[in-house]
Amino acid sequence: MGREIANRVAVVTGGARGIGAAIAESLLRRGAIVAILDRDEPTAKQTAAALSSVGPAVRAYALDVTDLDAFKAALDTIEAELGPIDFLINNAGIMPLGGFLDQDPATDRRQIEVNLFGVLNGMRAALPLMQRRGRGHIVNIASVAGRIPTPWATVYSASKFAVIGATESVRIEFENSGIDFSYVMPALVDTELISGTGRPRFPPPVKPADVANAVLRALTTGKVEIFVPRFARLSAILPAILPRRVYERIGRAFGIADMFADVDEKGRASYKQRIGN
């Protein structure tokens, strides 16, 4: 199950900013050796430099997670430079928003490539390395949107449902291998990802550090599924015990059903430019 973190090599995708940077910092504070992977290499290097005094060692590497061959090459380089990889945190993700019929199919495809294939590529690249040693732990960052429908973020929600299904399926394939699998499901997180969007009446957005703490809990306990905040588990429980109309009425009452319906385009412009949307 879970294992010690100190002196272990951990890889974090999408580690240049936001949740990924918080995860990298938390791992470093626990004594891990951290490799930050990100498409934005200059920012990744800045983040690594800022965190260099926090823990044993941190390095930044350029990676587009949609490129499987590049992912494999990056992990080979990390193993040569830092040592055997014990932990992979598949965190990279993007969230374009808009009505389903208004979205450019090319944007939908890009989102699936990053959010889903980025995770699949990470597992395909890391698992053979971990298999040879009979140990390792992969943590995939999903979302509460992978448990409940999320209007105006349809493809994002679909990609996170898929991440949960893929993690559960691969986990069973690798039973008794010595390799653990977890997925973390945050509610809204106070990062650039939700810039310009509405907010539900409840719950309030969590902080990147809350997600980082959940990743640490997954690694140290071996827990498979972790909600952030913990009471977000209700998103999995209520649909199973309540009639659909009651459950959906609760979602509307809390403002969850329409939080992405009206977006401040100016407030979201910087994020959209960065992700190429």
C-alpha atoms as a PDB file:
ATOM      1  CA  MET A   1       0.000   0.000   0.000  1.00  0.00           C
ATOM      2  CA  GLY A   2       1.343   3.440   0.875  1.00  0.00           C
ATOM      3  CA  ARG A   3       5.040   4.046   1.314  1.00  0.00           C
ATOM      4  CA  GLU A   4       7.554   6.520   2.626  1.00  0.00           C
ATOM      5  CA  ILE A   5       8.049   9.664   0.561  1.00  0.00           C
ATOM      6  CA  ALA A   6      11.483  10.846   1.714  1.00  0.00           C
ATOM      7  CA  ASN A   7      14.296  10.235  -0.786  1.00  0.00           C
ATOM      8  CA  ARG A   8      11.874   8.837  -3.365  1.00  0.00           C
ATOM      9  CA  VAL A   9      11.704  10.232  -6.901  1.00  0.00           C
ATOM     10  CA  ALA A  10       8.368  11.824  -7.784  1.00  0.00           C
ATOM     11  CA  VAL A  11       7.274  13.111 -11.198  1.00  0.00           C
ATOM     12  CA  VAL A  12       4.549  15.771 -11.445  1.00  0.00           C
ATOM     13  CA  THR A  13       3.019  16.695 -14.807  1.00  0.00           C
ATOM     14  CA  GLY A  14       1.598  20.173 -15.243  1.00  0.00           C
ATOM     15  CA  GLY A  15       3.917  21.121 -12.391  1.00  0.00           C
ATOM     16  CA  ALA A  16       4.810  24.651 -13.453  1.00  0.00           C
ATOM     17  CA  ARG A  17       1.916  26.368 -11.712  1.00  0.00           C
ATOM     18  CA  GLY A  18      -1.312  25.925  -9.740  1.00  0.00           C
ATOM     19  CA  ILE A  19      -2.098  22.494  -8.352  1.00  0.00           C
ATOM     20  CA  GLY A  20       1.010  20.930  -9.897  1.00  0.00           C
ATOM     21  CA  ALA A  21       3.366  23.431  -8.271  1.00  0.00           C
ATOM     22  CA  ALA A  22       1.611  22.927  -4.915  1.00  0.00           C
ATOM     23  CA  ILE A  23       2.009  19.150  -5.239  1.00  0.00           C
ATOM     24  CA  ALA A  24       5.698  19.546  -6.082  1.00  0.00           C
ATOM     25  CA  GLU A  25       6.238  21.771  -3.047  1.00  0.00           C
ATOM     26  CA  SER A  26       4.428  19.385  -0.702  1.00  0.00           C
ATOM     27  CA  LEU A  27       6.465  16.429  -1.947  1.00  0.00           C
ATOM     28  CA  LEU A  28       9.694  18.367  -1.510  1.00  0.00           C
ATOM     29  CA  ARG A  29       8.749  19.307   2.051  1.00  0.00           C
ATOM     30  CA  ARG A  30       8.308  15.603   2.745  1.00  0.00           C
ATOM     31  CA  GLY A  31      11.810  14.915   1.473  1.00  0.00           C
ATOM     32  CA  ALA A  32      11.057  13.669  -2.042  1.00  0.00           C
ATOM     33  CA  ILE A  33      13.220  14.287  -5.092  1.00  0.00           C
ATOM     34  CA  VAL A  34      10.905  15.987  -7.574  1.00  0.00           C
ATOM     35  CA  ALA A  35      10.825  16.261 -11.362  1.00  0.00           C
ATOM     36  CA  ILE A  36       8.456  18.925 -12.694  1.00  0.00           C
ATOM     37  CA  LEU A  37       7.164  18.244 -16.206  1.00  0.00           C
ATOM     38  CA  ASP A  38       5.340  20.937 -18.136  1.00  0.00           C
ATOM     39  CA  ARG A  39       4.774  22.119 -21.676  1.00  0.00           C
ATOM     40  CA  ASP A  40       5.740  25.612 -20.470  1.00  0.00           C
ATOM     41  CA  GLU A  41       9.437  24.961 -19.855  1.00  0.00           C
ATOM     42  CA  PRO A  42      10.440  28.528 -18.835  1.00  0.00           C
ATOM     43  CA  THR A  43       7.759  28.670 -16.108  1.00  0.00           C
ATOM     44  CA  ALA A  44       8.609  25.126 -15.018  1.00  0.00           C
ATOM     45  CA  LYS A  45      12.236  26.160 -14.577  1.00  0.00           C
ATOM     46  CA  GLN A  46      11.200  29.258 -12.626  1.00  0.00           C
ATOM     47  CA  THR A  47       9.054  27.113 -10.322  1.00  0.00           C
ATOM     48  CA  ALA A  48      11.877  24.624  -9.828  1.00  0.00           C
ATOM     49  CA  ALA A  49      14.292  27.443  -9.006  1.00  0.00           C
ATOM     50  CA  ALA A  50      11.825  28.932  -6.503  1.00  0.00           C
ATOM     51  CA  LEU A  51      11.426  25.530  -4.813  1.00  0.00           C
ATOM     52  CA  SER A  52      15.107  24.584  -4.882  1.00  0.00           C
ATOM     53  CA  SER A  53      15.630  25.365  -1.204  1.00  0.00           C
ATOM     54  CA  VAL A  54      12.522  23.491  -0.026  1.00  0.00           C
ATOM     55  CA  GLY A  55      13.672  19.891  -0.388  1.00  0.00           C
ATOM     56  CA  PRO A  56      16.485  17.586  -1.498  1.00  0.00           C
ATOM     57  CA  ALA A  57      16.329  18.242  -5.268  1.00  0.00           C
ATOM     58  CA  VAL A  58      13.948  19.533  -7.908  1.00  0.00           C
ATOM     59  CA  ARG A  59      14.415  19.748 -11.670  1.00  0.00           C
ATOM     60  CA  ALA A  60      12.219  20.912 -14.528  1.00  0.00           C
ATOM     61  CA  TYR A  61      11.726  19.169 -17.864  1.00  0.00           C
ATOM     62  CA  ALA A  62       9.753  20.167 -20.959  1.00  0.00           C
ATOM     63  CA  LEU A  63       6.942  17.797 -21.936  1.00  0.00           C
ATOM     64  CA  ASP A  64       3.756  17.793 -23.956  1.00  0.00           C
ATOM     65  CA  VAL A  65       1.836  14.977 -22.246  1.00  0.00           C
ATOM     66  CA  THR A  66      -0.045  14.184 -25.467  1.00  0.00           C
ATOM     67  CA  ASP A  67       3.195  12.798 -26.986  1.00  0.00           C
ATOM     68  CA  LEU A  68       3.733   9.233 -25.721  1.00  0.00           C
ATOM     69  CA  ASP A  69       7.241   8.889 -27.144  1.00  0.00           C
ATOM     70  CA  ALA A  70       8.268  12.184 -25.547  1.00  0.00           C
ATOM     71  CA  PHE A  71       6.753  11.036 -22.245  1.00  0.00           C
ATOM     72  CA  LYS A  72       8.785   7.818 -22.327  1.00  0.00           C
ATOM     73  CA  ALA A  73      11.958   9.729 -23.208  1.00  0.00           C
ATOM     74  CA  ALA A  74      11.389  12.226 -20.380  1.00  0.00           C
ATOM     75  CA  LEU A  75      10.999   9.462 -17.801  1.00  0.00           C
ATOM     76  CA  ASP A  76      14.124   7.729 -19.088  1.00  0.00           C
ATOM     77  CA  THR A  77      16.036  10.995 -18.691  1.00  0.00           C
ATOM     78  CA  ILE A  78      14.681  11.502 -15.175  1.00  0.00           C
ATOM     79  CA  GLU A  79      15.693   7.985 -14.146  1.00  0.00           C
ATOM     80  CA  ALA A  80      19.196   8.561 -15.532  1.00  0.00           C
ATOM     81  CA  GLU A  81      19.559  11.898 -13.733  1.00  0.00           C
ATOM     82  CA  LEU A  82      17.573  11.490 -10.517  1.00  0.00           C
ATOM     83  CA  GLY A  83      17.099   7.759  -9.992  1.00  0.00           C
ATOM     84  CA  PRO A  84      14.256   5.221 -10.206  1.00  0.00           C
ATOM     85  CA  ILE A  85      10.806   6.810 -10.368  1.00  0.00           C
ATOM     86  CA  ASP A  86       8.621   5.807  -7.429  1.00  0.00           C
ATOM     87  CA  PHE A  87       5.685   8.197  -7.882  1.00  0.00           C
ATOM     88  CA  LEU A  88       3.961   9.625 -10.945  1.00  0.00           C
ATOM     89  CA  ILE A  89       1.325  12.297 -10.408  1.00  0.00           C
ATOM     90  CA  ASN A  90      -0.617  12.854 -13.639  1.00  0.00           C
ATOM     91  CA  ASN A  91      -1.879  16.362 -13.016  1.00  0.00           C
ATOM     92  CA  ALA A  92      -1.738  18.163 -16.386  1.00  0.00           C
ATOM     93  CA  GLY A  93      -5.165  19.261 -17.594  1.00  0.00           C
ATOM     94  CA  ILE A  94      -7.082  22.045 -19.336  1.00  0.00           C
ATOM     95  CA  MET A  95     -10.678  23.249 -19.067  1.00  0.00           C
ATOM     96  CA  PRO A  96     -12.133  25.203 -22.001  1.00  0.00           C
ATOM     97  CA  LEU A  97     -15.727  26.227 -21.282  1.00  0.00           C
ATOM     98  CA  GLY A  98     -18.816  26.876 -23.346  1.00  0.00           C
ATOM     99  CA  GLY A  99     -22.051  25.402 -24.610  1.00  0.00           C
ATOM    100  CA  PHE A 100     -21.636  21.963 -26.158  1.00  0.00           C
ATOM    101  CA  LEU A 101     -22.788  23.056 -29.621  1.00  0.00           C
ATOM    102  CA  ASP A 102     -20.669  26.212 -29.430  1.00  0.00           C
ATOM    103  CA  GLN A 103     -17.370  24.450 -28.812  1.00  0.00           C
ATOM    104  CA  ASP A 104     -14.925  23.945 -31.647  1.00  0.00           C
ATOM    105  CA  PRO A 105     -14.474  20.181 -32.132  1.00  0.00           C
ATOM    106  CA  ALA A 106     -10.725  20.824 -32.394  1.00  0.00           C
ATOM    107  CA  THR A 107     -10.832  22.266 -28.865  1.00  0.00           C
ATOM    108  CA  ASP A 108     -12.756  19.208 -27.682  1.00  0.00           C
ATOM    109  CA  ARG A 109     -10.137  16.930 -29.214  1.00  0.00           C
ATOM    110  CA  ARG A 110      -7.282  18.881 -27.651  1.00  0.00           C
ATOM    111  CA  GLN A 111      -8.976  18.640 -24.255  1.00  0.00           C
ATOM    112  CA  ILE A 112      -9.369  14.867 -24.546  1.00  0.00           C
ATOM    113  CA  GLU A 113      -5.754  14.566 -25.686  1.00  0.00           C
ATOM    114  CA  VAL A 114      -4.439  16.463 -22.655  1.00  0.00           C
ATOM    115  CA  ASN A 115      -6.857  15.371 -19.932  1.00  0.00           C
ATOM    116  CA  LEU A 116      -7.288  11.724 -20.899  1.00  0.00           C
ATOM    117  CA  PHE A 117      -4.480  10.693 -23.227  1.00  0.00           C
ATOM    118  CA  GLY A 118      -2.028  12.657 -21.077  1.00  0.00           C
ATOM    119  CA  VAL A 119      -2.967  10.341 -18.199  1.00  0.00           C
ATOM    120  CA  LEU A 120      -2.938   7.201 -20.362  1.00  0.00           C
ATOM    121  CA  ASN A 121       0.445   8.176 -21.803  1.00  0.00           C
ATOM    122  CA  GLY A 122       1.835   8.762 -18.321  1.00  0.00           C
ATOM    123  CA  MET A 123       0.723   5.339 -17.149  1.00  0.00           C
ATOM    124  CA  ARG A 124       2.027   3.656 -20.317  1.00  0.00           C
ATOM    125  CA  ALA A 125       5.399   5.366 -19.894  1.00  0.00           C
ATOM    126  CA  ALA A 126       5.803   4.749 -16.151  1.00  0.00           C
ATOM    127  CA  LEU A 127       4.323   1.286 -15.648  1.00  0.00           C
ATOM    128  CA  PRO A 128       7.060  -0.719 -17.433  1.00  0.00           C
ATOM    129  CA  LEU A 129       9.679   1.043 -15.303  1.00  0.00           C
ATOM    130  CA  MET A 130       7.746   0.336 -12.115  1.00  0.00           C
ATOM    131  CA  GLN A 131       6.975  -3.240 -13.169  1.00  0.00           C
ATOM    132  CA  ARG A 132      10.655  -4.098 -13.451  1.00  0.00           C
ATOM    133  CA  ARG A 133      11.179  -3.062  -9.839  1.00  0.00           C
ATOM    134  CA  GLY A 134       7.874  -4.360  -8.507  1.00  0.00           C
ATOM    135  CA  ARG A 135       6.988  -1.064  -6.860  1.00  0.00           C
ATOM    136  CA  GLY A 136       5.536   2.357  -7.581  1.00  0.00           C
ATOM    137  CA  HIS A 137       2.453   4.513  -7.159  1.00  0.00           C
ATOM    138  CA  ILE A 138       0.529   6.449  -9.801  1.00  0.00           C
ATOM    139  CA  VAL A 139      -1.856   9.219  -8.738  1.00  0.00           C
ATOM    140  CA  ASN A 140      -4.183  10.618 -11.392  1.00  0.00           C
ATOM    141  CA  ILE A 141      -5.812  13.986 -10.755  1.00  0.00           C
ATOM    142  CA  ALA A 142      -9.461  13.650 -11.756  1.00  0.00           C
ATOM    143  CA  SER A 143     -12.277  15.906 -10.533  1.00  0.00           C
ATOM    144  CA  VAL A 144     -15.653  15.888  -8.848  1.00  0.00           C
ATOM    145  CA  ALA A 145     -16.741  16.695 -12.420  1.00  0.00           C
ATOM    146  CA  GLY A 146     -15.810  13.084 -13.116  1.00  0.00           C
ATOM    147  CA  ARG A 147     -18.634  12.001 -10.808  1.00  0.00           C
ATOM    148  CA  ILE A 148     -21.371  14.515 -11.566  1.00  0.00           C
ATOM    149  CA  PRO A 149     -22.536  16.110 -14.840  1.00  0.00           C
ATOM    150  CA  THR A 150     -21.028  19.529 -15.428  1.00  0.00           C
ATOM    151  CA  PRO A 151     -22.952  21.616 -17.975  1.00  0.00           C
ATOM    152  CA  TRP A 152     -20.936  24.074 -20.083  1.00  0.00           C
ATOM    153  CA  ALA A 153     -17.889  21.906 -19.343  1.00  0.00           C
ATOM    154  CA  THR A 154     -19.199  18.773 -21.036  1.00  0.00           C
ATOM    155  CA  VAL A 155     -15.973  17.513 -22.573  1.00  0.00           C
ATOM    156  CA  TYR A 156     -13.962  18.351 -19.458  1.00  0.00           C
ATOM    157  CA  SER A 157     -16.468  16.358 -17.395  1.00  0.00           C
ATOM    158  CA  ALA A 158     -16.335  13.492 -19.884  1.00  0.00           C
ATOM    159  CA  SER A 159     -12.544  13.418 -19.755  1.00  0.00           C
ATOM    160  CA  LYS A 160     -12.558  13.211 -15.962  1.00  0.00           C
ATOM    161  CA  PHE A 161     -15.180  10.444 -15.927  1.00  0.00           C
ATOM    162  CA  ALA A 162     -12.812   8.620 -18.287  1.00  0.00           C
ATOM    163  CA  VAL A 163      -9.782   9.180 -16.046  1.00  0.00           C
ATOM    164  CA  ILE A 164     -11.628   7.604 -13.118  1.00  0.00           C
ATOM    165  CA  GLY A 165     -12.712   4.619 -15.210  1.00  0.00           C
ATOM    166  CA  ALA A 166      -9.227   4.131 -16.636  1.00  0.00           C
ATOM    167  CA  THR A 167      -7.582   4.299 -13.218  1.00  0.00           C
ATOM    168  CA  GLU A 168      -9.976   1.781 -11.701  1.00  0.00           C
ATOM    169  CA  SER A 169      -9.539  -0.583 -14.642  1.00  0.00           C
ATOM    170  CA  VAL A 170      -5.742  -0.443 -14.805  1.00  0.00           C
ATOM    171  CA  ARG A 171      -5.568  -0.816 -11.025  1.00  0.00           C
ATOM    172  CA  ILE A 172      -7.323  -4.181 -11.252  1.00  0.00           C
ATOM    173  CA  GLU A 173      -5.080  -5.293 -14.131  1.00  0.00           C
ATOM    174  CA  PHE A 174      -2.040  -4.605 -11.959  1.00  0.00           C
ATOM    175  CA  GLU A 175      -3.269  -6.193  -8.739  1.00  0.00           C
ATOM    176  CA  ASN A 176      -0.468  -7.886  -6.794  1.00  0.00           C
ATOM    177  CA  SER A 177       2.160  -6.107  -8.904  1.00  0.00           C
ATOM    178  CA  GLY A 178       3.435  -3.936  -6.062  1.00  0.00           C
ATOM    179  CA  ILE A 179       2.158  -0.855  -7.913  1.00  0.00           C
ATOM    180  CA  ASP A 180      -0.560   1.267  -6.331  1.00  0.00           C
ATOM    181  CA  PHE A 181      -3.081   3.517  -8.110  1.00  0.00           C
ATOM    182  CA  SER A 182      -5.078   6.436  -6.746  1.00  0.00           C
ATOM    183  CA  TYR A 183      -7.203   9.220  -8.137  1.00  0.00           C
ATOM    184  CA  VAL A 184      -7.940  12.541  -6.475  1.00  0.00           C
ATOM    185  CA  MET A 185     -11.222  14.341  -7.149  1.00  0.00           C
ATOM    186  CA  PRO A 186     -11.165  18.037  -6.258  1.00  0.00           C
ATOM    187  CA  ALA A 187     -14.176  20.286  -6.347  1.00  0.00           C
ATOM    188  CA  LEU A 188     -13.451  23.768  -7.760  1.00  0.00           C
ATOM    189  CA  VAL A 189      -9.864  24.757  -6.998  1.00  0.00           C
ATOM    190  CA  ASP A 190      -8.809  28.380  -6.638  1.00  0.00           C
ATOM    191  CA  THR A 191      -6.438  28.502  -9.637  1.00  0.00           C
ATOM    192  CA  GLU A 192      -6.323  30.121 -13.066  1.00  0.00           C
ATOM    193  CA  LEU A 193      -8.398  27.173 -14.334  1.00  0.00           C
ATOM    194  CA  ILE A 194     -11.579  28.740 -12.907  1.00  0.00           C
ATOM    195  CA  SER A 195     -10.743  32.354 -13.729  1.00  0.00           C
ATOM    196  CA  GLY A 196     -13.735  34.295 -14.986  1.00  0.00           C
ATOM    197  CA  THR A 197     -16.236  31.609 -13.986  1.00  0.00           C
ATOM    198  CA  GLY A 198     -19.158  31.635 -11.586  1.00  0.00           C
ATOM    199  CA  ARG A 199     -19.015  30.048  -8.165  1.00  0.00           C
ATOM    200  CA  PRO A 200     -21.490  27.661  -6.578  1.00  0.00           C
ATOM    201  CA  ARG A 201     -23.252  28.788  -3.437  1.00  0.00           C
ATOM    202  CA  PHE A 202     -21.669  25.764  -1.794  1.00  0.00           C
ATOM    203  CA  PRO A 203     -18.996  24.514  -1.461  1.00  0.00           C
ATOM    204  CA  PRO A 204     -16.413  27.307  -1.803  1.00  0.00           C
ATOM    205  CA  PRO A 205     -13.332  26.621  -3.935  1.00  0.00           C
ATOM    206  CA  VAL A 206     -10.541  24.694  -2.233  1.00  0.00           C
ATOM    207  CA  LYS A 207      -6.879  25.696  -2.373  1.00  0.00           C
ATOM    208  CA  PRO A 208      -4.128  23.998  -4.391  1.00  0.00           C
ATOM    209  CA  ALA A 209      -2.503  23.022  -1.083  1.00  0.00           C
ATOM    210  CA  ASP A 210      -5.647  21.045  -0.202  1.00  0.00           C
ATOM    211  CA  VAL A 211      -5.240  18.977  -3.354  1.00  0.00           C
ATOM    212  CA  ALA A 212      -1.525  18.542  -2.642  1.00  0.00           C
ATOM    213  CA  ASN A 213      -2.359  17.238   0.838  1.00  0.00           C
ATOM    214  CA  ALA A 214      -4.781  14.753  -0.736  1.00  0.00           C
ATOM    215  CA  VAL A 215      -1.995  13.492  -3.008  1.00  0.00           C
ATOM    216  CA  LEU A 216       0.257  13.015   0.015  1.00  0.00           C
ATOM    217  CA  ARG A 217      -2.520  11.101   1.744  1.00  0.00           C
ATOM    218  CA  ALA A 218      -2.908   8.856  -1.290  1.00  0.00           C
ATOM    219  CA  LEU A 219       0.824   8.148  -1.381  1.00  0.00           C
ATOM    220  CA  THR A 220       1.190   7.462   2.327  1.00  0.00           C
ATOM    221  CA  THR A 221      -1.970   5.408   2.826  1.00  0.00           C
ATOM    222  CA  GLY A 222      -2.512   3.764  -0.557  1.00  0.00           C
ATOM    223  CA  LYS A 223      -6.121   5.011  -0.598  1.00  0.00           C
ATOM    224  CA  VAL A 224      -7.609   4.604  -4.069  1.00  0.00           C
ATOM    225  CA  GLU A 225     -10.136   7.467  -4.257  1.00  0.00           C
ATOM    226  CA  ILE A 226      -9.902  10.773  -2.436  1.00  0.00           C
ATOM    227  CA  PHE A 227     -12.354  13.665  -2.606  1.00  0.00           C
ATOM    228  CA  VAL A 228     -11.317  17.270  -1.921  1.00  0.00           C
ATOM    229  CA  PRO A 229     -12.923  18.437   0.288  1.00  0.00           C
ATOM    230  CA  ARG A 230     -13.843  15.142   1.902  1.00  0.00           C
ATOM    231  CA  PHE A 231     -17.575  15.902   2.062  1.00  0.00           C
ATOM    232  CA  ALA A 232     -17.533  16.079  -1.742  1.00  0.00           C
ATOM    233  CA  ARG A 233     -17.954  12.301  -1.460  1.00  0.00           C
ATOM    234  CA  LEU A 234     -21.655  13.142  -1.333  1.00  0.00           C
ATOM    235  CA  SER A 235     -21.405  13.627  -5.099  1.00  0.00           C
ATOM    236  CA  ALA A 236     -20.943   9.871  -5.385  1.00  0.00           C
ATOM    237  CA  ILE A 237     -23.389   8.889  -2.646  1.00  0.00           C
ATOM    238  CA  LEU A 238     -26.443  11.075  -3.320  1.00  0.00           C
ATOM    239  CA  PRO A 239     -27.085   9.921  -6.915  1.00  0.00           C
ATOM    240  CA  ALA A 240     -27.187   6.347  -5.658  1.00  0.00           C
ATOM    241  CA  ILE A 241     -29.741   6.962  -2.922  1.00  0.00           C
ATOM    242  CA  LEU A 242     -31.915   9.838  -4.169  1.00  0.00           C
ATOM    243  CA  PRO A 243     -34.329  10.071  -7.088  1.00  0.00           C
ATOM    244  CA  ARG A 244     -32.785  11.887 -10.022  1.00  0.00           C
ATOM    245  CA  ARG A 245     -35.157  14.850  -9.784  1.00  0.00           C
ATOM    246  CA  VAL A 246     -34.270  15.398  -6.099  1.00  0.00           C
ATOM    247  CA  TYR A 247     -30.545  15.101  -6.683  1.00  0.00           C
ATOM    248  CA  GLU A 248     -30.649  17.508  -9.628  1.00  0.00           C
ATOM    249  CA  ARG A 249     -32.754  19.970  -7.620  1.00  0.00           C
ATOM    250  CA  ILE A 250     -30.054  20.004  -4.936  1.00  0.00           C
ATOM    251  CA  GLY A 251     -27.426  20.741  -7.582  1.00  0.00           C
ATOM    252  CA  ARG A 252     -29.449  23.677  -8.856  1.00  0.00           C
ATOM    253  CA  ALA A 253     -30.057  24.993  -5.336  1.00  0.00           C
ATOM    254  CA  PHE A 254     -26.310  25.072  -4.680  1.00  0.00           C
ATOM    255  CA  GLY A 255     -25.636  26.704  -8.060  1.00  0.00           C
ATOM    256  CA  ILE A 256     -23.596  23.751  -9.299  1.00  0.00           C
ATOM    257  CA  ALA A 257     -25.664  23.209 -12.445  1.00  0.00           C
ATOM    258  CA  ASP A 258     -25.140  26.707 -13.863  1.00  0.00           C
ATOM    259  CA  MET A 259     -21.818  27.890 -12.412  1.00  0.00           C
ATOM    260  CA  PHE A 260     -20.164  27.791 -15.859  1.00  0.00           C
ATOM    261  CA  ALA A 261     -23.157  29.140 -17.801  1.00  0.00           C
ATOM    262  CA  ASP A 262     -21.988  32.767 -17.707  1.00  0.00           C
ATOM    263  CA  VAL A 263     -18.278  33.366 -18.102  1.00  0.00           C
ATOM    264  CA  ASP A 264     -16.450  36.676 -17.810  1.00  0.00           C
ATOM    265  CA  GLU A 265     -14.503  36.500 -21.058  1.00  0.00           C
ATOM    266  CA  LYS A 266     -12.121  39.292 -20.037  1.00  0.00           C
ATOM    267  CA  GLY A 267     -11.401  37.557 -16.742  1.00  0.00           C
ATOM    268  CA  ARG A 268     -10.739  34.315 -18.589  1.00  0.00           C
ATOM    269  CA  ALA A 269      -8.798  35.742 -21.527  1.00  0.00           C
ATOM    270  CA  SER A 270      -5.327  35.111 -20.123  1.00  0.00           C
ATOM    271  CA  TYR A 271      -6.089  31.466 -19.355  1.00  0.00           C
ATOM    272  CA  LYS A 272      -7.660  30.880 -22.769  1.00  0.00           C
ATOM    273  CA  GLN A 273      -4.638  32.377 -24.475  1.00  0.00           C
ATOM    274  CA  ARG A 274      -2.252  30.197 -22.476  1.00  0.00           C
ATOM    275  CA  ILE A 275      -4.039  26.932 -23.269  1.00  0.00           C
ATOM    276  CA  GLY A 276      -4.451  27.910 -26.906  1.00  0.00           C
ATOM    277  CA  ASN A 277      -8.212  28.247 -26.909  1.00  0.00           C
END
